[in-house]
Protein backbone atom coordinates (compact mmCIF):
# COMPACT_ATOMS: atom_id res chain seq x y z
CA MET A 1 26.99 -42.00 -2.13
CA ARG A 2 26.32 -40.31 -5.52
CA LYS A 3 22.67 -40.93 -5.22
CA ILE A 4 22.60 -39.18 -1.65
CA ILE A 5 24.56 -36.32 -2.92
CA LEU A 6 22.17 -35.92 -5.90
CA ILE A 7 19.15 -36.07 -3.69
CA TYR A 8 20.55 -33.39 -1.36
CA ALA A 9 21.40 -31.21 -4.32
CA LEU A 10 17.74 -31.63 -5.81
CA VAL A 11 16.35 -30.75 -2.38
CA LEU A 12 18.53 -27.88 -2.10
CA ILE A 13 17.60 -26.44 -5.57
CA SER A 14 13.94 -27.19 -5.00
CA THR A 15 14.05 -25.22 -1.67
CA VAL A 16 15.73 -22.31 -3.58
CA LEU A 17 13.11 -22.27 -6.23
CA ILE A 18 10.29 -22.42 -3.68
CA SER A 19 11.76 -19.41 -1.75
CA CYS A 20 12.15 -17.42 -4.99
CA SER A 21 8.64 -17.98 -5.89
CA HIS A 22 7.38 -16.51 -2.59
CA GLN A 23 9.23 -13.30 -2.89
CA ILE A 24 7.61 -10.02 -3.23
CA SER A 25 8.38 -8.15 -6.45
CA TYR A 26 9.13 -4.50 -5.83
CA ASP A 27 8.90 -3.45 -9.66
CA SER A 28 5.59 -1.61 -9.34
CA PHE A 29 6.57 -0.03 -6.08
CA GLU A 30 10.03 1.29 -7.62
CA GLU A 31 7.95 2.54 -10.56
CA LEU A 32 5.73 4.46 -8.16
CA ILE A 33 8.67 6.06 -6.49
CA LYS A 34 10.19 6.97 -9.74
CA HIS A 35 6.81 8.46 -10.84
CA LEU A 36 6.54 10.61 -7.60
CA LYS A 37 10.05 11.77 -7.96
CA SER A 38 9.57 12.68 -11.60
CA LYS A 39 6.88 15.00 -10.37
CA GLY A 40 9.50 16.92 -8.32
CA TYR A 41 8.40 15.27 -4.80
CA ASP A 42 11.18 14.58 -2.25
CA ILE A 43 10.53 11.04 -1.16
CA VAL A 44 11.57 9.04 1.99
CA VAL A 45 10.61 5.28 2.25
CA GLU A 46 10.34 3.31 5.48
CA ASP A 47 9.38 -0.20 6.27
CA VAL A 48 6.63 -0.15 8.99
CA GLU A 49 4.48 -2.75 10.74
CA LYS A 50 1.40 -4.00 9.23
CA SER A 51 -1.89 -2.32 9.80
CA ILE A 52 -5.18 -2.99 8.47
CA LEU A 53 -4.44 -4.86 5.24
CA ALA A 54 -2.39 -8.05 5.02
CA GLY A 55 0.38 -7.02 2.59
CA LYS A 56 4.00 -5.93 3.53
CA ARG A 57 3.65 -2.24 4.35
CA LYS A 58 5.92 0.51 3.18
CA TRP A 59 5.48 4.13 4.27
CA ILE A 60 6.24 6.81 1.83
CA THR A 61 6.76 10.52 3.05
CA ILE A 62 6.40 12.90 0.38
CA ASN A 63 8.06 16.52 0.91
CA ASP A 64 8.21 16.05 4.68
CA SER A 65 4.38 16.51 4.80
CA GLU A 66 2.15 13.89 3.11
CA ASN A 67 2.29 10.10 3.61
CA ILE A 68 1.33 7.32 1.50
CA SER A 69 0.92 3.64 2.68
CA VAL A 70 1.88 0.94 0.11
CA TYR A 71 0.82 -2.55 0.80
CA LEU A 72 2.94 -5.26 -1.17
CA TYR A 73 1.77 -8.90 -1.78
CA ASN A 74 3.49 -11.94 -3.39
CA LYS A 75 0.90 -12.19 -6.15
CA ASN A 76 -1.80 -10.11 -7.76
CA GLU A 77 -4.46 -12.63 -6.73
CA GLN A 78 -3.48 -12.20 -2.99
CA MET A 79 -3.79 -8.40 -3.32
CA GLU A 80 -7.19 -8.59 -5.19
CA LYS A 81 -8.47 -10.83 -2.51
CA ASP A 82 -7.29 -8.34 0.32
CA ALA A 83 -8.76 -5.45 -1.55
CA SER A 84 -12.07 -7.30 -1.70
CA TYR A 85 -12.34 -7.16 2.11
CA LEU A 86 -12.55 -3.22 1.93
CA SER A 87 -15.78 -1.59 2.07
CA ALA A 88 -16.64 0.84 -1.13
CA ASP A 89 -16.07 3.85 1.03
CA GLY A 90 -12.99 2.52 2.88
CA SER A 91 -14.54 2.75 6.33
CA SER A 92 -14.33 -0.98 7.14
CA TYR A 93 -12.32 -4.16 6.43
CA ASP A 94 -13.90 -7.69 6.84
CA ASN A 95 -12.22 -10.70 5.78
CA GLY A 96 -14.37 -13.23 7.69
CA ARG A 97 -12.16 -13.79 10.63
CA LYS A 98 -11.86 -10.14 11.60
CA VAL A 99 -13.77 -7.01 11.06
CA VAL A 100 -12.22 -3.57 11.73
CA MET A 101 -14.16 -0.32 11.68
CA ILE A 102 -11.88 2.55 10.53
CA GLU A 103 -12.08 6.14 11.25
CA TRP A 104 -9.75 8.46 9.02
CA PHE A 105 -8.40 11.75 10.11
CA SER A 106 -9.01 12.84 6.57
CA TYR A 107 -10.32 11.52 3.19
CA PRO A 108 -9.03 7.88 2.15
CA TYR A 109 -8.24 6.91 -1.21
CA PHE A 110 -7.51 3.32 -2.17
CA PHE A 111 -5.60 2.49 -5.40
CA LYS A 112 -4.21 -0.81 -6.72
CA LYS A 113 -1.87 -1.86 -9.42
CA GLU A 114 -0.38 -5.36 -10.08
CA ASN A 115 0.70 -6.61 -6.63
CA MET A 116 0.29 -3.50 -4.56
CA ILE A 117 -2.45 -1.42 -2.85
CA VAL A 118 -1.74 2.13 -2.36
CA LEU A 119 -3.57 4.33 0.37
CA TYR A 120 -3.37 8.04 0.59
CA VAL A 121 -5.32 9.70 3.48
CA GLY A 122 -5.39 13.49 2.90
CA ASP A 123 -6.99 16.30 1.06
CA ASN A 124 -4.19 17.21 -1.50
CA LEU A 125 -5.91 16.77 -4.77
CA GLU A 126 -2.59 17.11 -6.48
CA ILE A 127 -1.35 13.94 -5.02
CA VAL A 128 -4.65 12.19 -5.72
CA HIS A 129 -4.25 13.11 -9.26
CA ILE A 130 -0.75 11.80 -9.65
CA LEU A 131 -1.62 8.55 -8.00
CA GLU A 132 -4.63 8.29 -10.36
CA GLU A 133 -2.33 9.17 -13.27
CA PHE A 134 0.01 6.17 -12.45
CA LEU A 135 -2.27 3.74 -10.70
CA GLY A 136 -5.74 4.24 -12.32
CA PRO A 137 -8.96 5.28 -10.55
CA GLN A 138 -9.23 4.54 -6.99
CA PHE A 139 -11.20 1.21 -6.01
CA ALA A 140 -12.45 2.36 -2.60
CA GLY A 141 -12.49 5.51 -0.37
CA TYR A 142 -13.79 9.01 -0.51
CA GLY A 143 -16.25 9.48 -3.19
CA GLU A 144 -16.62 5.77 -3.98
């Protein structure tokens, strides 16, 4: 009987550890939000459906007028792989199974850091600069 209880306990602990290892880290995302707020922006964050990229998508509204999509991944490697499917100018996504041609309403700017891809579509150069300041240079999109 003790062996059965021990086996169930080990299975339970293993299940918990495995599920924890597949959780998305929100550390970089929370740092991005703090950075935007430190620049004086009012921020509203929403969970939204996936779109082009595979990561879990968050929608950030800045001062009720600008928007940023953030795609979160379990691991940096998953983010890098998904980022590699974007064309340099951000006009297409091709992962070998699906090809999507993208028409933007304004200029797309793709950034990445740790386990997230950040997309800003717009022409507010102040926001682009603030994102570059925190995330580094864009890896795809307008001007690439």
